[in-house]
Amino acid sequence: MENGEQKIFVWCDFSTGMENAILHGVAIAQTLKKELCLFHQLDVRLHEKAGIAEARLSGLAAKTAPLLPNYPVKYIVIDQNITNALTLLAERYECLALIAHKTSSQQLLSFLQYSAFPFMFVSAKTNIDKVYQRVVVPIGYMKKCKDLALWASYLGRHNGAMIDLFIAEESGLDQNTVKSNLLSVVRLFEKFRFPFQVIESHSPTWKLQRASLLHGLGIKNGMLIIAATFSATFLDSLLGLTERKVIDQSEELSVMCINSRLDFYTFCC
């Protein structure tokens, strides 16, 4: 596979939800005007043969190509462990985001900490285009929320998406940081012409992820962007604040998880 152009990758494990994930990949690639690439990692435990996997992906690519007539649909099979594969996708093949069905989240989430691009977990089977026309972004005192808003701006700029900036409620210096983060995001958004609104959550930053999910569920067809922290406490797990629990409870929302530890590769127009 040739490199040099940014691509939307789809995790293809030949599971039940894979073809649904490909349709979401088509929607995102079409919106952002990027190439689509179907990606399979060989499972050494199953003694998979690269040639067989490539043949299956080739068939899927041929089936998908008519859905994305203006951009190439490619495929790649990688015979490396997942952490090395993620580095390869980013550095050699210009991966912008990896899309997978939510059934794959248990397998993939623990590897997000090694990824310089976000993982998007999807499940909606109908009205897929509408999913990416409404985006919820939590804005707390954490610096990474600016990265969440940057990704949302891509969908705003290229899809006219309405973006809900869901704002934490803090006190003292933390509230000043929230206001500063919000001001930075609003300045970015005002450079472009897409709709957005600021919504008070009445929740502190540590509860904001859960509150954003509940807000998103009220939207029905939509997308939630969150930062993965990889350091959930027992209390986080108990209260349903982990990324895995957010995904499990997200119903038809698409959930994008961005690595809070690494700088991610940015979108090129």
C-alpha atoms as a PDB file:
ATOM      1  CA  MET A   1       0.000   0.000   0.000  1.00  0.00           C
ATOM      2  CA  GLU A   2       1.258   3.447  -0.916  1.00  0.00           C
ATOM      3  CA  ASN A   3       1.667   6.053   1.789  1.00  0.00           C
ATOM      4  CA  GLY A   4       1.862   9.833   1.726  1.00  0.00           C
ATOM      5  CA  GLU A   5      -1.849  10.650   2.113  1.00  0.00           C
ATOM      6  CA  GLN A   6      -3.725  10.813   5.387  1.00  0.00           C
ATOM      7  CA  LYS A   7      -6.126   7.940   5.853  1.00  0.00           C
ATOM      8  CA  ILE A   8      -9.035   6.800   7.963  1.00  0.00           C
ATOM      9  CA  PHE A   9      -8.352   3.223   9.069  1.00  0.00           C
ATOM     10  CA  VAL A  10     -10.966   0.630   9.997  1.00  0.00           C
ATOM     11  CA  TRP A  11     -10.160  -2.235  12.373  1.00  0.00           C
ATOM     12  CA  CYS A  12     -11.131  -5.358  10.440  1.00  0.00           C
ATOM     13  CA  ASP A  13     -11.204  -8.466  12.626  1.00  0.00           C
ATOM     14  CA  PHE A  14     -13.907 -10.231  10.576  1.00  0.00           C
ATOM     15  CA  SER A  15     -16.311 -10.061  13.513  1.00  0.00           C
ATOM     16  CA  THR A  16     -20.060  -9.445  13.345  1.00  0.00           C
ATOM     17  CA  GLY A  17     -19.815  -5.666  13.702  1.00  0.00           C
ATOM     18  CA  MET A  18     -16.942  -5.129  11.287  1.00  0.00           C
ATOM     19  CA  GLU A  19     -19.008  -4.237   8.218  1.00  0.00           C
ATOM     20  CA  ASN A  20     -20.942  -1.711  10.298  1.00  0.00           C
ATOM     21  CA  ALA A  21     -17.621  -0.124  11.321  1.00  0.00           C
ATOM     22  CA  ILE A  22     -16.636   0.067   7.642  1.00  0.00           C
ATOM     23  CA  LEU A  23     -19.795   2.061   6.879  1.00  0.00           C
ATOM     24  CA  HIS A  24     -18.838   4.539   9.598  1.00  0.00           C
ATOM     25  CA  GLY A  25     -15.355   4.665   8.114  1.00  0.00           C
ATOM     26  CA  VAL A  26     -16.874   5.530   4.744  1.00  0.00           C
ATOM     27  CA  ALA A  27     -18.913   8.344   6.339  1.00  0.00           C
ATOM     28  CA  ILE A  28     -15.862   9.858   8.054  1.00  0.00           C
ATOM     29  CA  ALA A  29     -13.568   9.461   5.035  1.00  0.00           C
ATOM     30  CA  GLN A  30     -16.188  11.055   2.775  1.00  0.00           C
ATOM     31  CA  THR A  31     -16.707  13.943   5.190  1.00  0.00           C
ATOM     32  CA  LEU A  32     -13.011  14.667   5.707  1.00  0.00           C
ATOM     33  CA  LYS A  33     -12.086  13.896   2.098  1.00  0.00           C
ATOM     34  CA  LYS A  34      -9.551  11.252   3.047  1.00  0.00           C
ATOM     35  CA  GLU A  35      -8.583   7.807   1.816  1.00  0.00           C
ATOM     36  CA  LEU A  36     -10.069   4.794   3.575  1.00  0.00           C
ATOM     37  CA  CYS A  37      -7.942   1.809   4.548  1.00  0.00           C
ATOM     38  CA  LEU A  38      -9.140  -1.534   5.900  1.00  0.00           C
ATOM     39  CA  PHE A  39      -6.648  -2.862   8.435  1.00  0.00           C
ATOM     40  CA  HIS A  40      -6.181  -6.372   9.802  1.00  0.00           C
ATOM     41  CA  GLN A  41      -3.615  -7.475  12.352  1.00  0.00           C
ATOM     42  CA  LEU A  42      -2.672 -11.117  12.017  1.00  0.00           C
ATOM     43  CA  ASP A  43      -3.471 -13.147  15.117  1.00  0.00           C
ATOM     44  CA  VAL A  44      -0.525 -15.471  15.689  1.00  0.00           C
ATOM     45  CA  ARG A  45      -2.580 -17.475  18.182  1.00  0.00           C
ATOM     46  CA  LEU A  46      -4.909 -18.496  15.366  1.00  0.00           C
ATOM     47  CA  HIS A  47      -2.028 -19.196  12.941  1.00  0.00           C
ATOM     48  CA  GLU A  48      -3.587 -16.878  10.376  1.00  0.00           C
ATOM     49  CA  LYS A  49      -2.112 -16.745   6.887  1.00  0.00           C
ATOM     50  CA  ALA A  50      -1.390 -13.319   5.457  1.00  0.00           C
ATOM     51  CA  GLY A  51      -2.534 -14.305   1.977  1.00  0.00           C
ATOM     52  CA  ILE A  52      -5.953 -15.431   3.174  1.00  0.00           C
ATOM     53  CA  ALA A  53      -6.467 -12.249   5.201  1.00  0.00           C
ATOM     54  CA  GLU A  54      -5.392 -10.097   2.250  1.00  0.00           C
ATOM     55  CA  ALA A  55      -7.841 -11.889  -0.040  1.00  0.00           C
ATOM     56  CA  ARG A  56     -10.688 -11.256   2.401  1.00  0.00           C
ATOM     57  CA  LEU A  57      -9.761  -7.583   2.744  1.00  0.00           C
ATOM     58  CA  SER A  58      -9.437  -7.236  -1.024  1.00  0.00           C
ATOM     59  CA  GLY A  59     -13.011  -8.458  -1.398  1.00  0.00           C
ATOM     60  CA  LEU A  60     -14.224  -6.064   1.287  1.00  0.00           C
ATOM     61  CA  ALA A  61     -12.362  -3.165  -0.343  1.00  0.00           C
ATOM     62  CA  ALA A  62     -13.934  -3.935  -3.725  1.00  0.00           C
ATOM     63  CA  LYS A  63     -17.367  -4.067  -2.087  1.00  0.00           C
ATOM     64  CA  THR A  64     -16.772  -0.769  -0.279  1.00  0.00           C
ATOM     65  CA  ALA A  65     -15.238   1.221  -3.144  1.00  0.00           C
ATOM     66  CA  PRO A  66     -18.579   2.153  -4.815  1.00  0.00           C
ATOM     67  CA  LEU A  67     -19.661   3.772  -1.524  1.00  0.00           C
ATOM     68  CA  LEU A  68     -16.651   6.118  -1.658  1.00  0.00           C
ATOM     69  CA  PRO A  69     -16.287   6.873  -5.381  1.00  0.00           C
ATOM     70  CA  ASN A  70     -14.078   9.948  -5.037  1.00  0.00           C
ATOM     71  CA  TYR A  71     -11.387   8.483  -2.776  1.00  0.00           C
ATOM     72  CA  PRO A  72      -9.336   5.286  -2.778  1.00  0.00           C
ATOM     73  CA  VAL A  73     -10.272   2.322  -0.590  1.00  0.00           C
ATOM     74  CA  LYS A  74      -7.152   0.390   0.330  1.00  0.00           C
ATOM     75  CA  TYR A  75      -6.276  -2.448   2.658  1.00  0.00           C
ATOM     76  CA  ILE A  76      -3.323  -3.667   4.669  1.00  0.00           C
ATOM     77  CA  VAL A  77      -2.439  -6.737   6.720  1.00  0.00           C
ATOM     78  CA  ILE A  78       0.225  -6.268   9.390  1.00  0.00           C
ATOM     79  CA  ASP A  79       2.099  -9.162  10.966  1.00  0.00           C
ATOM     80  CA  GLN A  80       3.334  -7.334  14.079  1.00  0.00           C
ATOM     81  CA  ASN A  81       2.158  -6.888  17.631  1.00  0.00           C
ATOM     82  CA  ILE A  82      -0.471  -4.206  18.111  1.00  0.00           C
ATOM     83  CA  THR A  83       1.821  -1.563  19.632  1.00  0.00           C
ATOM     84  CA  ASN A  84       4.259  -1.802  16.718  1.00  0.00           C
ATOM     85  CA  ALA A  85       1.354  -1.840  14.288  1.00  0.00           C
ATOM     86  CA  LEU A  86      -0.038   1.403  15.729  1.00  0.00           C
ATOM     87  CA  THR A  87       3.342   3.098  15.323  1.00  0.00           C
ATOM     88  CA  LEU A  88       3.550   1.845  11.745  1.00  0.00           C
ATOM     89  CA  LEU A  89       0.069   3.128  10.907  1.00  0.00           C
ATOM     90  CA  ALA A  90       0.933   6.573  12.252  1.00  0.00           C
ATOM     91  CA  GLU A  91       4.470   7.046  10.982  1.00  0.00           C
ATOM     92  CA  ARG A  92       4.397   5.256   7.640  1.00  0.00           C
ATOM     93  CA  TYR A  93       0.766   5.241   6.560  1.00  0.00           C
ATOM     94  CA  GLU A  94      -0.488   8.614   7.877  1.00  0.00           C
ATOM     95  CA  CYS A  95      -3.327   7.266  10.002  1.00  0.00           C
ATOM     96  CA  LEU A  96      -5.683  10.031  11.127  1.00  0.00           C
ATOM     97  CA  ALA A  97      -8.070   7.864  13.163  1.00  0.00           C
ATOM     98  CA  LEU A  98      -8.865   4.193  13.721  1.00  0.00           C
ATOM     99  CA  ILE A  99     -12.525   3.184  13.622  1.00  0.00           C
ATOM    100  CA  ALA A 100     -13.742  -0.022  15.253  1.00  0.00           C
ATOM    101  CA  HIS A 101     -17.032  -1.515  16.351  1.00  0.00           C
ATOM    102  CA  LYS A 102     -17.750  -1.175  20.058  1.00  0.00           C
ATOM    103  CA  THR A 103     -17.485  -4.932  20.456  1.00  0.00           C
ATOM    104  CA  SER A 104     -13.735  -4.508  19.851  1.00  0.00           C
ATOM    105  CA  SER A 105     -13.274  -1.890  22.571  1.00  0.00           C
ATOM    106  CA  GLN A 106     -12.280  -4.406  25.232  1.00  0.00           C
ATOM    107  CA  GLN A 107      -9.447  -5.620  23.021  1.00  0.00           C
ATOM    108  CA  LEU A 108      -8.280  -2.225  21.769  1.00  0.00           C
ATOM    109  CA  LEU A 109      -8.711   0.314  24.566  1.00  0.00           C
ATOM    110  CA  SER A 110      -5.680  -0.772  26.558  1.00  0.00           C
ATOM    111  CA  PHE A 111      -3.488  -0.042  23.507  1.00  0.00           C
ATOM    112  CA  LEU A 112      -4.737   3.518  23.014  1.00  0.00           C
ATOM    113  CA  GLN A 113      -1.992   4.764  25.339  1.00  0.00           C
ATOM    114  CA  TYR A 114       0.546   3.865  22.621  1.00  0.00           C
ATOM    115  CA  SER A 115      -1.370   5.585  19.821  1.00  0.00           C
ATOM    116  CA  ALA A 116      -0.765   9.036  18.348  1.00  0.00           C
ATOM    117  CA  PHE A 117      -4.213   8.973  16.712  1.00  0.00           C
ATOM    118  CA  PRO A 118      -7.677   8.575  18.252  1.00  0.00           C
ATOM    119  CA  PHE A 119      -9.787   5.430  18.354  1.00  0.00           C
ATOM    120  CA  MET A 120     -13.448   5.805  17.409  1.00  0.00           C
ATOM    121  CA  PHE A 121     -15.892   3.157  18.602  1.00  0.00           C
ATOM    122  CA  VAL A 122     -19.162   2.899  16.668  1.00  0.00           C
ATOM    123  CA  SER A 123     -22.370   0.905  16.581  1.00  0.00           C
ATOM    124  CA  ALA A 124     -25.197   2.890  14.920  1.00  0.00           C
ATOM    125  CA  LYS A 125     -26.678   0.936  12.012  1.00  0.00           C
ATOM    126  CA  THR A 126     -29.033   3.592  10.676  1.00  0.00           C
ATOM    127  CA  ASN A 127     -28.758   7.334  10.021  1.00  0.00           C
ATOM    128  CA  ILE A 128     -24.971   7.032  10.117  1.00  0.00           C
ATOM    129  CA  ASP A 129     -24.467  10.369   8.359  1.00  0.00           C
ATOM    130  CA  LYS A 130     -26.506  12.124  11.057  1.00  0.00           C
ATOM    131  CA  VAL A 131     -24.219  10.760  13.776  1.00  0.00           C
ATOM    132  CA  TYR A 132     -21.446  13.106  12.682  1.00  0.00           C
ATOM    133  CA  GLN A 133     -23.639  16.197  12.465  1.00  0.00           C
ATOM    134  CA  ARG A 134     -23.873  16.606  16.258  1.00  0.00           C
ATOM    135  CA  VAL A 135     -20.776  16.394  18.446  1.00  0.00           C
ATOM    136  CA  VAL A 136     -20.418  16.698  22.222  1.00  0.00           C
ATOM    137  CA  VAL A 137     -17.089  17.900  23.657  1.00  0.00           C
ATOM    138  CA  PRO A 138     -16.475  18.121  27.429  1.00  0.00           C
ATOM    139  CA  ILE A 139     -14.467  21.178  28.482  1.00  0.00           C
ATOM    140  CA  GLY A 140     -12.938  21.008  31.974  1.00  0.00           C
ATOM    141  CA  TYR A 141      -9.681  22.188  33.507  1.00  0.00           C
ATOM    142  CA  MET A 142      -7.602  19.521  31.751  1.00  0.00           C
ATOM    143  CA  LYS A 143      -5.346  20.790  28.964  1.00  0.00           C
ATOM    144  CA  LYS A 144      -6.262  17.886  26.679  1.00  0.00           C
ATOM    145  CA  CYS A 145      -9.809  19.178  26.201  1.00  0.00           C
ATOM    146  CA  LYS A 146      -8.387  21.570  23.595  1.00  0.00           C
ATOM    147  CA  ASP A 147      -7.380  18.544  21.513  1.00  0.00           C
ATOM    148  CA  LEU A 148     -10.907  17.162  21.792  1.00  0.00           C
ATOM    149  CA  ALA A 149     -12.273  20.445  20.506  1.00  0.00           C
ATOM    150  CA  LEU A 150      -9.735  20.499  17.659  1.00  0.00           C
ATOM    151  CA  TRP A 151     -10.992  17.129  16.399  1.00  0.00           C
ATOM    152  CA  ALA A 152     -14.581  18.318  16.725  1.00  0.00           C
ATOM    153  CA  SER A 153     -13.685  21.348  14.604  1.00  0.00           C
ATOM    154  CA  TYR A 154     -12.755  19.035  11.723  1.00  0.00           C
ATOM    155  CA  LEU A 155     -16.336  17.756  11.633  1.00  0.00           C
ATOM    156  CA  GLY A 156     -17.668  21.265  12.083  1.00  0.00           C
ATOM    157  CA  ARG A 157     -15.642  22.636   9.198  1.00  0.00           C
ATOM    158  CA  HIS A 158     -16.253  19.779   6.779  1.00  0.00           C
ATOM    159  CA  ASN A 159     -19.691  18.540   7.825  1.00  0.00           C
ATOM    160  CA  GLY A 160     -21.352  21.631   9.273  1.00  0.00           C
ATOM    161  CA  ALA A 161     -21.736  19.726  12.529  1.00  0.00           C
ATOM    162  CA  MET A 162     -23.319  21.385  15.545  1.00  0.00           C
ATOM    163  CA  ILE A 163     -20.844  21.152  18.411  1.00  0.00           C
ATOM    164  CA  ASP A 164     -21.940  21.214  22.033  1.00  0.00           C
ATOM    165  CA  LEU A 165     -19.185  22.486  24.316  1.00  0.00           C
ATOM    166  CA  PHE A 166     -20.180  20.913  27.642  1.00  0.00           C
ATOM    167  CA  ILE A 167     -18.553  22.992  30.358  1.00  0.00           C
ATOM    168  CA  ALA A 168     -17.423  21.865  33.805  1.00  0.00           C
ATOM    169  CA  GLU A 169     -18.347  23.826  36.922  1.00  0.00           C
ATOM    170  CA  GLU A 170     -15.444  24.330  39.303  1.00  0.00           C
ATOM    171  CA  SER A 171     -14.367  26.890  41.880  1.00  0.00           C
ATOM    172  CA  GLY A 172     -11.336  29.086  42.431  1.00  0.00           C
ATOM    173  CA  LEU A 173      -8.331  28.617  40.185  1.00  0.00           C
ATOM    174  CA  ASP A 174      -9.790  25.518  38.551  1.00  0.00           C
ATOM    175  CA  GLN A 175     -12.754  27.533  37.305  1.00  0.00           C
ATOM    176  CA  ASN A 176     -10.345  30.100  35.879  1.00  0.00           C
ATOM    177  CA  THR A 177      -8.628  27.296  33.975  1.00  0.00           C
ATOM    178  CA  VAL A 178     -11.969  26.068  32.645  1.00  0.00           C
ATOM    179  CA  LYS A 179     -12.779  29.580  31.416  1.00  0.00           C
ATOM    180  CA  SER A 180      -9.347  29.883  29.813  1.00  0.00           C
ATOM    181  CA  ASN A 181      -9.742  26.551  28.000  1.00  0.00           C
ATOM    182  CA  LEU A 182     -13.204  27.541  26.822  1.00  0.00           C
ATOM    183  CA  LEU A 183     -11.937  30.900  25.551  1.00  0.00           C
ATOM    184  CA  SER A 184      -9.205  29.167  23.531  1.00  0.00           C
ATOM    185  CA  VAL A 185     -11.719  26.787  21.977  1.00  0.00           C
ATOM    186  CA  VAL A 186     -14.219  29.523  21.154  1.00  0.00           C
ATOM    187  CA  ARG A 187     -11.477  31.578  19.496  1.00  0.00           C
ATOM    188  CA  LEU A 188     -10.614  28.559  17.341  1.00  0.00           C
ATOM    189  CA  PHE A 189     -14.218  27.867  16.403  1.00  0.00           C
ATOM    190  CA  GLU A 190     -14.943  31.481  15.520  1.00  0.00           C
ATOM    191  CA  LYS A 191     -12.289  31.314  12.795  1.00  0.00           C
ATOM    192  CA  PHE A 192     -14.638  29.000  10.879  1.00  0.00           C
ATOM    193  CA  ARG A 193     -18.304  29.007   9.974  1.00  0.00           C
ATOM    194  CA  PHE A 194     -20.031  26.155  11.762  1.00  0.00           C
ATOM    195  CA  PRO A 195     -22.568  26.183  14.593  1.00  0.00           C
ATOM    196  CA  PHE A 196     -21.605  25.584  18.203  1.00  0.00           C
ATOM    197  CA  GLN A 197     -23.095  26.249  21.600  1.00  0.00           C
ATOM    198  CA  VAL A 198     -21.780  26.450  25.145  1.00  0.00           C
ATOM    199  CA  ILE A 199     -23.742  24.367  27.659  1.00  0.00           C
ATOM    200  CA  GLU A 200     -23.261  24.499  31.420  1.00  0.00           C
ATOM    201  CA  SER A 201     -22.958  20.985  32.835  1.00  0.00           C
ATOM    202  CA  HIS A 202     -23.157  21.878  36.555  1.00  0.00           C
ATOM    203  CA  SER A 203     -20.663  19.028  37.045  1.00  0.00           C
ATOM    204  CA  PRO A 204     -17.012  19.153  38.169  1.00  0.00           C
ATOM    205  CA  THR A 205     -14.338  18.022  35.756  1.00  0.00           C
ATOM    206  CA  TRP A 206     -13.941  14.621  37.406  1.00  0.00           C
ATOM    207  CA  LYS A 207     -17.617  13.870  36.694  1.00  0.00           C
ATOM    208  CA  LEU A 208     -17.741  15.629  33.344  1.00  0.00           C
ATOM    209  CA  GLN A 209     -17.153  12.575  31.182  1.00  0.00           C
ATOM    210  CA  ARG A 210     -20.187  10.837  32.642  1.00  0.00           C
ATOM    211  CA  ALA A 211     -22.299  14.002  32.435  1.00  0.00           C
ATOM    212  CA  SER A 212     -21.287  14.464  28.791  1.00  0.00           C
ATOM    213  CA  LEU A 213     -22.400  10.934  28.033  1.00  0.00           C
ATOM    214  CA  LEU A 214     -25.824  11.573  29.537  1.00  0.00           C
ATOM    215  CA  HIS A 215     -26.107  14.774  27.516  1.00  0.00           C
ATOM    216  CA  GLY A 216     -25.109  12.906  24.367  1.00  0.00           C
ATOM    217  CA  LEU A 217     -27.668  10.170  24.974  1.00  0.00           C
ATOM    218  CA  GLY A 218     -30.338  12.854  24.919  1.00  0.00           C
ATOM    219  CA  ILE A 219     -29.254  13.786  21.404  1.00  0.00           C
ATOM    220  CA  LYS A 220     -29.727  10.217  20.090  1.00  0.00           C
ATOM    221  CA  ASN A 221     -27.811  10.479  16.783  1.00  0.00           C
ATOM    222  CA  GLY A 222     -24.506  12.001  17.755  1.00  0.00           C
ATOM    223  CA  MET A 223     -20.879  11.647  18.692  1.00  0.00           C
ATOM    224  CA  LEU A 224     -19.019  12.073  21.979  1.00  0.00           C
ATOM    225  CA  ILE A 225     -15.301  12.910  22.124  1.00  0.00           C
ATOM    226  CA  ILE A 226     -13.454  12.082  25.344  1.00  0.00           C
ATOM    227  CA  ALA A 227      -9.871  11.906  26.598  1.00  0.00           C
ATOM    228  CA  ALA A 228      -8.643   8.538  27.857  1.00  0.00           C
ATOM    229  CA  THR A 229      -6.619   8.787  31.059  1.00  0.00           C
ATOM    230  CA  PHE A 230      -5.514   5.143  31.629  1.00  0.00           C
ATOM    231  CA  SER A 231      -5.436   5.726  35.392  1.00  0.00           C
ATOM    232  CA  ALA A 232      -8.961   4.986  36.556  1.00  0.00           C
ATOM    233  CA  THR A 233      -9.407   4.573  40.292  1.00  0.00           C
ATOM    234  CA  PHE A 234     -11.731   2.140  42.037  1.00  0.00           C
ATOM    235  CA  LEU A 235     -14.142   5.042  42.572  1.00  0.00           C
ATOM    236  CA  ASP A 236     -14.069   5.865  38.863  1.00  0.00           C
ATOM    237  CA  SER A 237     -14.996   2.286  38.042  1.00  0.00           C
ATOM    238  CA  LEU A 238     -17.702   2.226  40.698  1.00  0.00           C
ATOM    239  CA  LEU A 239     -19.304   5.429  39.388  1.00  0.00           C
ATOM    240  CA  GLY A 240     -19.090   4.409  35.738  1.00  0.00           C
ATOM    241  CA  LEU A 241     -16.503   7.024  34.801  1.00  0.00           C
ATOM    242  CA  THR A 242     -14.043   4.822  32.890  1.00  0.00           C
ATOM    243  CA  GLU A 243     -13.758   5.008  29.102  1.00  0.00           C
ATOM    244  CA  ARG A 244     -14.856   1.381  28.824  1.00  0.00           C
ATOM    245  CA  LYS A 245     -18.028   2.037  30.797  1.00  0.00           C
ATOM    246  CA  VAL A 246     -18.776   5.164  28.788  1.00  0.00           C
ATOM    247  CA  ILE A 247     -18.539   3.091  25.609  1.00  0.00           C
ATOM    248  CA  ASP A 248     -20.632   0.261  27.077  1.00  0.00           C
ATOM    249  CA  GLN A 249     -23.384   2.721  28.040  1.00  0.00           C
ATOM    250  CA  SER A 250     -23.227   4.875  24.913  1.00  0.00           C
ATOM    251  CA  GLU A 251     -26.062   3.139  23.033  1.00  0.00           C
ATOM    252  CA  GLU A 252     -25.952   4.433  19.422  1.00  0.00           C
ATOM    253  CA  LEU A 253     -23.529   7.296  20.060  1.00  0.00           C
ATOM    254  CA  SER A 254     -20.146   7.090  18.382  1.00  0.00           C
ATOM    255  CA  VAL A 255     -17.399   7.570  20.975  1.00  0.00           C
ATOM    256  CA  MET A 256     -13.993   8.939  20.017  1.00  0.00           C
ATOM    257  CA  CYS A 257     -11.235   8.362  22.580  1.00  0.00           C
ATOM    258  CA  ILE A 258      -8.127  10.528  22.371  1.00  0.00           C
ATOM    259  CA  ASN A 259      -4.876   9.610  24.099  1.00  0.00           C
ATOM    260  CA  SER A 260      -4.350  12.160  26.862  1.00  0.00           C
ATOM    261  CA  ARG A 261      -0.621  11.379  27.085  1.00  0.00           C
ATOM    262  CA  LEU A 262       0.590  11.840  23.516  1.00  0.00           C
ATOM    263  CA  ASP A 263       0.309  14.612  20.961  1.00  0.00           C
ATOM    264  CA  PHE A 264      -1.793  13.307  18.102  1.00  0.00           C
ATOM    265  CA  TYR A 265      -1.296  13.715  14.373  1.00  0.00           C
ATOM    266  CA  THR A 266      -3.303  16.670  13.139  1.00  0.00           C
ATOM    267  CA  PHE A 267      -5.617  16.873  10.183  1.00  0.00           C
ATOM    268  CA  CYS A 268      -4.174  18.281   6.964  1.00  0.00           C
ATOM    269  CA  CYS A 269      -6.608  20.121   4.698  1.00  0.00           C
END
